[in-house]
């Protein structure tokens, strides 16, 4: 399989199935029209097998291009390592490779097929052939930078290309950069429309908000070039003519002190019921600079949202907050300080569709170049999922430590399974969940060298960390570099299609 690519830096920012022949028209589910009165129409049901699907993975982090924005005199050299991993559970055949290069078969073990790449400087892909449908496949890439402006752990899951992606996170205020990466893994050009919202509403993007991504290529556009001075952003990517993936590389510096980097990946489409697992509190005070922050946007009409937390001991309210008024089109941040330490899941219930995400911050070591004792910070962006989402697969890139945060809306038992880098089952664990609670489980408890994780029966995500803990952290604390991964949903299975045959169709 050949997937050519070229990365271009830009300085600005399901349908119905028709079966041809014999006048046959097919549609999914309730889209089938009623028979015309007095006319008998023959119909039958057929099963449409699933198609192959391709997951596209992020590339290694990169500095802002100084020819487009910024001054190279004020950038620093990067000390970055990177790795990617992808695989599929079960017997479905898979091929993988770097975007733009021929793929190779993914080696198979006793329980899964897994491929690892290090370094992973360019975007990569994995294609899974259908094997009865419902395949459990995932991929992820990470970049770890220990010094310089991009100090931090930036990771993102590999996603299936589509026509719509909501990216909830990022900033374009002074000191921040949000690079929007648009990837087209297909064989036809994709026309892209980019919409940006900020605190005051939808942003009138200067320059261009429309792009064409050639097949097998990716482009990078600087969000601050077209939508500057936005302290809070939400981005919507819409594609025509082809399917795309997209993500933001968000990085921040506070003067000369690195203030974190992460990838903002696709979250749930606008909905009235969303969850964000993996919100780990360190006991930050209300209003603290490093308190977890929930970002919300009601893109179309005014909305009112109710927030609920599923914590270690069950449901609890957000301190000092009952409901949140969301003016249409305005990005709102809500602090989540005042919680006891531990894992939480945020549930957002709204009377109109909204999108959501959460940002975590972690202090690290003091910056050795700062004359004021500035502390280096890292950040992680967590994407929202539709409430009730369960299952899926996550890939754990080498060079990280991983924890699964599992949320139970109802009392249930979740089953965790880990597969090692040879594709063998590393271990399984049954986890009993109290209703409306969240539990944190180290992936290392499933076995050594775990590369893939599946969870059945609950909503979940993965927190990654690397490096040493902060100097004042408790014994056993995670490293001060952090990121998060959202599970990749299972592939679609066979679909039953109703076919109606009307001999009058096409007759004039």
Foldseek 3Di string as FASTA:
>chain_A
DFQAADEAEDLFADFFDQDDDLQKGWGADPVDDDDDPPDDWDKDKDWFFDFKFKWKEAAADDDDDVVRDDDPVLWDDWPKWKKKKKKWFDDWWKWKDFQRGDTDTFFADDTMGMDMDIRRHGMMMMITGDDQFQIFIWMKMWMATCDIQAHFIAMEITATFAFKFKFFWAAQEPQKWKKKKKFFQDQAKKKKAKWKFAQVFTAPFPDDRIDIGGGSYMYIYIHCSGGHRGGGMMMMMGIDPGTIFMWIWMWGADVGATAATYIGGGADDWDQKKKFWFLFDPQAAVPDPQFKKKKKAQAAAKKKKAKWKAAAVAIDHQPPDGIDTHGHRGIDIDGRHPDHGGIIMIMIGMPGTMFMKMKGKFWAAFDPPDPVRHTHMYMAITHMYGPPDFKFKYFDTPQKWKKKKWFAQAFDKKKKWFAANNNHTAAMDIDTDHHSHIDIGTPCVRHPRTTMMIMGDTAIWMKIAHDCPHPPDDPPDGHRHIYIYHGHGTTGGIGMMMMIRDSCPPPD
